Amino acid sequence: MIKFKAFGPILVLILMRSSSLCTAAEVENFYKGKNIIFVIGSSAGGGFDVDGRLMARHIGNELLGKPSVVPQNMPGAGSIRAADYLYFSAPKDGTVIGIIDPGVYNSQLLGEAGIRFDTANFTWLGRMVNNTPVVFTWHNSPIQKASDLFEKEAIISASGPTPKLNYLLLNTVLKAKIKTINAYPGSAQAMLAMERGEIHGLSTPWPVMKASKADWVKEKKVLPILQTGIEKHPEIYNVPRMIDLAKNEQDRALFEFIGLPSLIGRAMLAPPAISEERKTNLRGAFDRMMRNPKFIADANNSKIDLEPMSGELLQKILQEKNYVSETVINRAREIASSPR
């Protein structure tokens, strides 16, 4: 008579491995021959478009089944249109992924009208680079340094939810003299307007400006005057942060909250409620992509400084919203809802 008791643990491991192999085969069969839509929540030519298309070129090679990946721009309302589509309308089967402006995180917490999604419930796949925004001005504009924002009228593009709120806080809390222009759908159009002299400046991350307008940076046609995220970029460490301008701890806490989207950065996400098997495949593919020499070389050629974060950690950060006090959020809401 054969006794199976001694083989119990081995049998369990064999069954687990068999189940894992079956799951991987199922995921591979699902993706094989399919087109994955990569939604980019901005217009063509801007920073999010550059980063989104970079990821779209490589992520398919890392996914089981090696599907084709098709980038699709969906600009509107500072990525809220794209976020709404991903949350409510896109298939929740792993065939639609994308990139959105991380400023929607604050917009949601502040109760902006029309936002129905919960940022923390997206399926976050990983961060490519952080998103510390920098206010740039044109080299011959009257705004040459941060202190000029408080002494002269500064005409600044405010495309996207984060810049709008940053400028409103600077005007309300620190009495800056910023006049915002919301006429441009993305950073590419705002950069052209700045070059033409229609506006004095705009806000975009330092790595994005280096990648999209390397000649401007090299020839000092644009001046970085203020960093509005939490972290300072080491290459422009002498440029002050908005946090550094705070006059007391209450203002500092407010500016730190507004700077939180910079930690989310340029991240890949998918709709909520994707199956664990496909979520694992998508996150694993993102992590492999970040380590792939071909992707790294492509990012270097695009002058993009990679600062990756795993999807698991990013999801945890977004789900731990309680560390921001209600007092700070309520103050931000009051300012955000005040007459412009």
Protein backbone atom coordinates (compact mmCIF):
# COMPACT_ATOMS: atom_id res chain seq x y z
CA MET A 1 0.00 0.00 0.00
CA ILE A 2 1.44 3.41 -1.04
CA LYS A 3 1.37 6.17 1.58
CA PHE A 4 1.11 9.74 0.20
CA LYS A 5 1.53 11.63 3.48
CA ALA A 6 5.28 12.19 3.04
CA PHE A 7 4.75 13.55 -0.44
CA GLY A 8 2.16 16.12 0.67
CA PRO A 9 4.38 19.26 0.59
CA ILE A 10 5.98 18.19 -2.70
CA LEU A 11 2.58 17.52 -4.23
CA VAL A 12 1.37 20.98 -3.17
CA LEU A 13 4.42 22.63 -4.77
CA ILE A 14 3.91 20.67 -7.97
CA LEU A 15 0.23 21.67 -8.10
CA MET A 16 1.09 25.33 -7.40
CA ARG A 17 3.74 25.39 -10.13
CA SER A 18 1.36 23.68 -12.53
CA SER A 19 -1.35 26.24 -11.74
CA SER A 20 1.12 29.10 -12.25
CA LEU A 21 2.22 27.72 -15.60
CA CYS A 22 -1.40 27.32 -16.68
CA THR A 23 -2.15 30.92 -15.64
CA ALA A 24 0.87 32.26 -17.54
CA ALA A 25 -0.14 30.28 -20.63
CA GLU A 26 -3.68 31.64 -20.39
CA VAL A 27 -2.43 35.24 -20.12
CA GLU A 28 -0.03 34.70 -23.03
CA ASN A 29 -2.81 33.25 -25.19
CA PHE A 30 -5.09 36.16 -24.30
CA TYR A 31 -2.59 38.83 -25.38
CA LYS A 32 -1.18 37.08 -28.45
CA GLY A 33 -2.20 38.89 -31.62
CA LYS A 34 -4.08 41.66 -29.77
CA ASN A 35 -3.72 45.43 -29.95
CA ILE A 36 -3.26 47.22 -26.63
CA ILE A 37 -4.52 50.82 -26.57
CA PHE A 38 -2.20 53.20 -24.71
CA VAL A 39 -4.21 56.27 -23.73
CA ILE A 40 -2.19 59.49 -23.37
CA GLY A 41 -4.11 62.12 -21.41
CA SER A 42 -2.61 65.09 -23.25
CA SER A 43 -2.24 66.50 -26.74
CA ALA A 44 0.50 65.36 -29.12
CA GLY A 45 3.98 66.80 -28.76
CA GLY A 46 3.98 67.60 -25.04
CA GLY A 47 5.88 65.98 -22.18
CA PHE A 48 3.26 63.37 -21.34
CA ASP A 49 3.04 62.48 -25.03
CA VAL A 50 6.82 62.00 -25.27
CA ASP A 51 6.90 59.81 -22.16
CA GLY A 52 3.76 57.89 -23.08
CA ARG A 53 5.02 57.06 -26.56
CA LEU A 54 8.37 55.98 -25.16
CA MET A 55 6.64 53.45 -22.90
CA ALA A 56 4.24 52.40 -25.66
CA ARG A 57 7.20 51.52 -27.91
CA HIS A 58 8.59 49.03 -25.40
CA ILE A 59 5.93 47.66 -23.06
CA GLY A 60 4.48 45.25 -25.66
CA ASN A 61 7.79 43.39 -25.93
CA GLU A 62 7.74 42.72 -22.19
CA LEU A 63 4.15 41.48 -21.96
CA LEU A 64 3.35 37.79 -22.29
CA GLY A 65 1.99 37.25 -25.79
CA LYS A 66 3.87 40.34 -27.09
CA PRO A 67 0.80 42.31 -28.24
CA SER A 68 1.06 45.43 -30.39
CA VAL A 69 0.66 48.69 -28.46
CA VAL A 70 -1.11 51.62 -30.13
CA PRO A 71 -0.76 55.10 -28.54
CA GLN A 72 -3.90 57.24 -28.60
CA ASN A 73 -4.00 60.87 -27.44
CA MET A 74 -7.04 61.85 -25.37
CA PRO A 75 -6.51 65.45 -24.20
CA GLY A 76 -9.06 67.39 -22.20
CA ALA A 77 -9.51 69.00 -18.77
CA GLY A 78 -5.94 68.32 -17.63
CA SER A 79 -6.23 64.54 -18.19
CA ILE A 80 -9.58 64.28 -16.40
CA ARG A 81 -11.23 63.21 -19.66
CA ALA A 82 -8.70 60.38 -20.12
CA ALA A 83 -8.91 59.38 -16.45
CA ASP A 84 -12.70 59.24 -16.64
CA TYR A 85 -12.51 57.04 -19.73
CA LEU A 86 -10.00 54.66 -18.16
CA TYR A 87 -12.00 54.40 -14.94
CA PHE A 88 -15.51 53.95 -16.32
CA SER A 89 -15.54 53.14 -20.04
CA ALA A 90 -12.37 51.29 -21.01
CA PRO A 91 -12.39 47.47 -20.97
CA LYS A 92 -11.16 46.14 -17.61
CA ASP A 93 -9.34 43.20 -19.16
CA GLY A 94 -5.81 44.58 -19.52
CA THR A 95 -6.18 45.70 -23.13
CA VAL A 96 -6.20 49.42 -22.28
CA ILE A 97 -3.43 51.17 -20.33
CA GLY A 98 -2.24 54.76 -20.23
CA ILE A 99 -0.66 57.81 -18.65
CA ILE A 100 -2.43 60.81 -17.08
CA ASP A 101 -1.47 64.04 -15.36
CA PRO A 102 -0.84 63.18 -11.67
CA GLY A 103 -2.51 66.47 -10.76
CA VAL A 104 -5.85 64.65 -10.95
CA TYR A 105 -4.94 63.19 -7.53
CA ASN A 106 -5.22 66.60 -5.87
CA SER A 107 -8.18 67.58 -8.04
CA GLN A 108 -10.10 64.59 -6.73
CA LEU A 109 -9.22 65.22 -3.07
CA LEU A 110 -10.22 68.85 -3.46
CA GLY A 111 -13.64 67.82 -4.76
CA GLU A 112 -13.35 69.34 -8.24
CA ALA A 113 -16.69 69.30 -10.03
CA GLY A 114 -17.15 66.50 -12.53
CA ILE A 115 -14.63 64.08 -11.02
CA ARG A 116 -16.30 60.76 -10.23
CA PHE A 117 -13.28 58.45 -10.07
CA ASP A 118 -11.07 57.56 -7.11
CA THR A 119 -7.42 57.89 -8.10
CA ALA A 120 -6.33 55.23 -5.60
CA ASN A 121 -8.54 52.61 -7.26
CA PHE A 122 -6.83 52.70 -10.64
CA THR A 123 -4.51 49.76 -11.30
CA TRP A 124 -1.14 51.49 -10.98
CA LEU A 125 1.56 49.66 -12.95
CA GLY A 126 4.66 51.71 -12.14
CA ARG A 127 6.35 55.12 -12.31
CA MET A 128 8.94 55.93 -14.95
CA VAL A 129 10.11 59.28 -13.58
CA ASN A 130 9.04 61.70 -10.89
CA ASN A 131 7.25 64.85 -11.97
CA THR A 132 8.75 67.80 -10.12
CA PRO A 133 7.33 70.74 -12.09
CA VAL A 134 9.41 73.82 -12.81
CA VAL A 135 8.17 77.27 -13.78
CA PHE A 136 10.17 78.38 -16.82
CA THR A 137 10.16 81.86 -18.33
CA TRP A 138 11.45 83.09 -21.67
CA HIS A 139 14.94 84.60 -21.55
CA ASN A 140 13.91 88.13 -22.59
CA SER A 141 10.66 88.31 -20.60
CA PRO A 142 10.40 90.66 -17.61
CA ILE A 143 10.14 87.63 -15.30
CA GLN A 144 13.72 86.48 -14.72
CA LYS A 145 13.63 85.02 -11.21
CA ALA A 146 11.18 83.84 -8.54
CA SER A 147 11.05 87.20 -6.77
CA ASP A 148 9.78 88.83 -9.97
CA LEU A 149 6.53 86.85 -9.58
CA PHE A 150 5.72 89.09 -6.60
CA GLU A 151 6.80 92.40 -8.10
CA LYS A 152 5.54 92.27 -11.73
CA GLU A 153 2.56 90.80 -13.54
CA ALA A 154 3.61 87.41 -14.86
CA ILE A 155 1.52 85.94 -17.69
CA ILE A 156 1.84 82.17 -17.30
CA SER A 157 0.18 79.23 -19.07
CA ALA A 158 -1.82 77.08 -16.67
CA SER A 159 -2.62 73.94 -18.67
CA GLY A 160 -3.49 71.03 -16.36
CA PRO A 161 -4.90 70.91 -12.82
CA THR A 162 -1.64 71.18 -10.86
CA PRO A 163 -0.26 74.43 -12.38
CA LYS A 164 -3.63 76.16 -11.98
CA LEU A 165 -3.72 75.37 -8.28
CA ASN A 166 -0.05 76.22 -7.75
CA TYR A 167 -0.51 79.69 -9.22
CA LEU A 168 -3.74 80.25 -7.30
CA LEU A 169 -1.95 79.38 -4.05
CA LEU A 170 0.98 81.64 -4.89
CA ASN A 171 -1.40 84.51 -5.58
CA THR A 172 -3.66 83.89 -2.59
CA VAL A 173 -1.18 82.85 0.10
CA LEU A 174 1.99 84.67 -0.95
CA LYS A 175 0.44 87.59 -2.90
CA ALA A 176 2.13 86.83 -6.22
CA LYS A 177 0.99 88.71 -9.33
CA ILE A 178 0.47 85.78 -11.70
CA LYS A 179 -2.08 86.06 -14.50
CA THR A 180 -2.94 82.60 -15.81
CA ILE A 181 -3.81 81.75 -19.41
CA ASN A 182 -5.78 78.54 -20.01
CA ALA A 183 -5.98 78.71 -23.81
CA TYR A 184 -3.43 76.01 -24.63
CA PRO A 185 -4.36 72.29 -24.61
CA GLY A 186 -0.86 71.09 -23.80
CA SER A 187 2.75 72.05 -23.13
CA ALA A 188 3.74 71.94 -26.82
CA GLN A 189 1.27 74.70 -27.69
CA ALA A 190 2.23 76.68 -24.56
CA MET A 191 5.93 76.48 -25.47
CA LEU A 192 5.19 77.87 -28.91
CA ALA A 193 3.18 80.70 -27.33
CA MET A 194 6.07 81.47 -24.96
CA GLU A 195 8.52 81.57 -27.85
CA ARG A 196 6.21 83.97 -29.72
CA GLY A 197 5.97 86.26 -26.69
CA GLU A 198 2.26 85.65 -26.08
CA ILE A 199 3.04 84.54 -22.52
CA HIS A 200 6.00 84.92 -20.18
CA GLY A 201 6.26 81.32 -19.06
CA LEU A 202 4.82 77.90 -18.27
CA SER A 203 5.25 74.94 -15.95
CA THR A 204 6.76 71.61 -17.01
CA PRO A 205 9.20 69.16 -15.37
CA TRP A 206 12.90 69.86 -15.83
CA PRO A 207 13.59 66.47 -17.55
CA VAL A 208 10.71 67.13 -19.98
CA MET A 209 12.07 70.54 -20.95
CA LYS A 210 15.52 68.99 -21.44
CA ALA A 211 14.04 66.22 -23.59
CA SER A 212 11.70 68.29 -25.73
CA LYS A 213 13.68 71.54 -25.98
CA ALA A 214 17.32 70.65 -25.39
CA ASP A 215 18.49 73.60 -27.50
CA TRP A 216 16.47 76.02 -25.36
CA VAL A 217 18.10 74.69 -22.20
CA LYS A 218 21.62 74.66 -23.69
CA GLU A 219 21.30 78.17 -25.12
CA LYS A 220 19.52 79.45 -21.97
CA LYS A 221 16.50 80.59 -23.93
CA VAL A 222 14.37 79.43 -20.98
CA LEU A 223 15.06 80.24 -17.33
CA PRO A 224 14.03 77.83 -14.53
CA ILE A 225 12.83 80.15 -11.76
CA LEU A 226 10.70 78.05 -9.36
CA GLN A 227 10.22 74.36 -8.50
CA THR A 228 6.70 73.51 -7.34
CA GLY A 229 7.10 69.85 -6.35
CA ILE A 230 8.30 68.32 -3.10
CA GLU A 231 11.75 67.25 -4.28
CA LYS A 232 14.43 69.48 -5.75
CA HIS A 233 16.00 68.33 -8.98
CA PRO A 234 19.77 68.05 -8.39
CA GLU A 235 20.64 69.74 -11.69
CA ILE A 236 18.85 72.96 -10.67
CA TYR A 237 19.38 72.76 -6.93
CA ASN A 238 19.83 76.53 -6.67
CA VAL A 239 16.30 77.14 -8.01
CA PRO A 240 13.93 77.57 -5.01
CA ARG A 241 10.86 75.43 -4.37
CA MET A 242 7.44 76.83 -3.69
CA ILE A 243 7.75 75.15 -0.27
CA ASP A 244 10.86 77.24 0.43
CA LEU A 245 8.82 80.44 0.03
CA ALA A 246 6.37 79.49 2.81
CA LYS A 247 6.25 82.01 5.64
CA ASN A 248 5.01 79.60 8.34
CA GLU A 249 4.39 75.91 9.02
CA GLN A 250 0.73 76.10 7.97
CA ASP A 251 1.69 77.41 4.53
CA ARG A 252 4.46 74.83 4.25
CA ALA A 253 2.03 71.97 4.96
CA LEU A 254 -0.30 73.37 2.32
CA PHE A 255 2.45 73.55 -0.31
CA GLU A 256 3.64 70.03 0.56
CA PHE A 257 0.14 68.68 -0.05
CA ILE A 258 -0.10 70.45 -3.39
CA GLY A 259 3.32 69.03 -4.31
CA LEU A 260 2.31 65.41 -3.75
CA PRO A 261 1.55 64.68 -7.45
CA SER A 262 5.25 65.16 -8.19
CA LEU A 263 5.90 61.87 -6.36
CA ILE A 264 3.36 60.07 -8.58
CA GLY A 265 5.16 61.42 -11.61
CA ARG A 266 4.95 60.00 -15.12
CA ALA A 267 3.31 56.70 -14.29
CA MET A 268 1.61 53.94 -16.25
CA LEU A 269 -1.85 52.88 -15.08
CA ALA A 270 -4.81 50.76 -16.13
CA PRO A 271 -8.51 50.68 -15.25
CA PRO A 272 -9.56 49.32 -11.86
CA ALA A 273 -10.73 45.75 -11.22
CA ILE A 274 -8.32 44.02 -13.62
CA SER A 275 -7.80 40.34 -12.77
CA GLU A 276 -4.82 39.50 -10.58
CA GLU A 277 -3.22 37.42 -13.33
CA ARG A 278 -3.25 40.23 -15.89
CA LYS A 279 -2.33 42.86 -13.30
CA THR A 280 0.72 40.74 -12.40
CA ASN A 281 1.63 40.47 -16.08
CA LEU A 282 1.29 44.23 -16.64
CA ARG A 283 3.28 45.18 -13.53
CA GLY A 284 5.95 42.59 -14.25
CA ALA A 285 6.24 43.87 -17.81
CA PHE A 286 6.67 47.44 -16.55
CA ASP A 287 9.42 46.40 -14.12
CA ARG A 288 11.24 44.43 -16.83
CA MET A 289 10.94 47.37 -19.22
CA MET A 290 12.61 49.68 -16.69
CA ARG A 291 15.59 47.29 -16.57
CA ASN A 292 15.79 46.57 -20.30
CA PRO A 293 18.96 48.07 -21.85
CA LYS A 294 17.09 48.91 -25.08
CA PHE A 295 14.48 50.90 -23.16
CA ILE A 296 17.14 52.63 -21.05
CA ALA A 297 19.07 53.57 -24.20
CA ASP A 298 15.88 54.93 -25.82
CA ALA A 299 15.14 56.97 -22.68
CA ASN A 300 18.70 58.32 -22.66
CA ASN A 301 18.40 59.30 -26.32
CA SER A 302 15.22 61.19 -25.41
CA LYS A 303 17.10 62.82 -22.49
CA ILE A 304 14.70 61.29 -19.97
CA ASP A 305 16.18 60.63 -16.51
CA LEU A 306 14.57 57.42 -15.24
CA GLU A 307 13.46 57.32 -11.59
CA PRO A 308 11.30 54.18 -11.48
CA MET A 309 8.91 53.10 -8.74
CA SER A 310 7.02 49.81 -8.66
CA GLY A 311 3.28 49.69 -9.20
CA GLU A 312 2.78 48.06 -5.81
CA LEU A 313 4.53 50.89 -3.96
CA LEU A 314 2.79 53.58 -6.00
CA GLN A 315 -0.60 51.99 -5.28
CA LYS A 316 0.23 51.94 -1.55
CA ILE A 317 1.19 55.64 -1.54
CA LEU A 318 -2.08 56.59 -3.22
CA GLN A 319 -4.17 54.47 -0.88
CA GLU A 320 -2.60 56.03 2.23
CA LYS A 321 -4.38 59.38 1.86
CA ASN A 322 -4.99 59.77 5.58
CA TYR A 323 -1.55 61.25 6.27
CA VAL A 324 -2.80 64.51 4.71
CA SER A 325 -4.78 66.27 7.43
CA GLU A 326 -8.34 67.40 6.81
CA THR A 327 -7.30 70.87 7.98
CA VAL A 328 -4.81 71.15 5.11
CA ILE A 329 -7.23 69.70 2.55
CA ASN A 330 -10.04 71.99 3.70
CA ARG A 331 -7.79 75.04 3.46
CA ALA A 332 -6.75 74.02 -0.05
CA ARG A 333 -10.41 73.47 -0.98
CA GLU A 334 -11.34 76.90 0.31
CA ILE A 335 -8.62 78.55 -1.75
CA ALA A 336 -9.38 76.42 -4.84
CA SER A 337 -13.04 77.39 -4.72
CA SER A 338 -12.41 81.10 -4.10
CA PRO A 339 -13.22 83.60 -6.87
CA ARG A 340 -10.37 83.88 -9.36
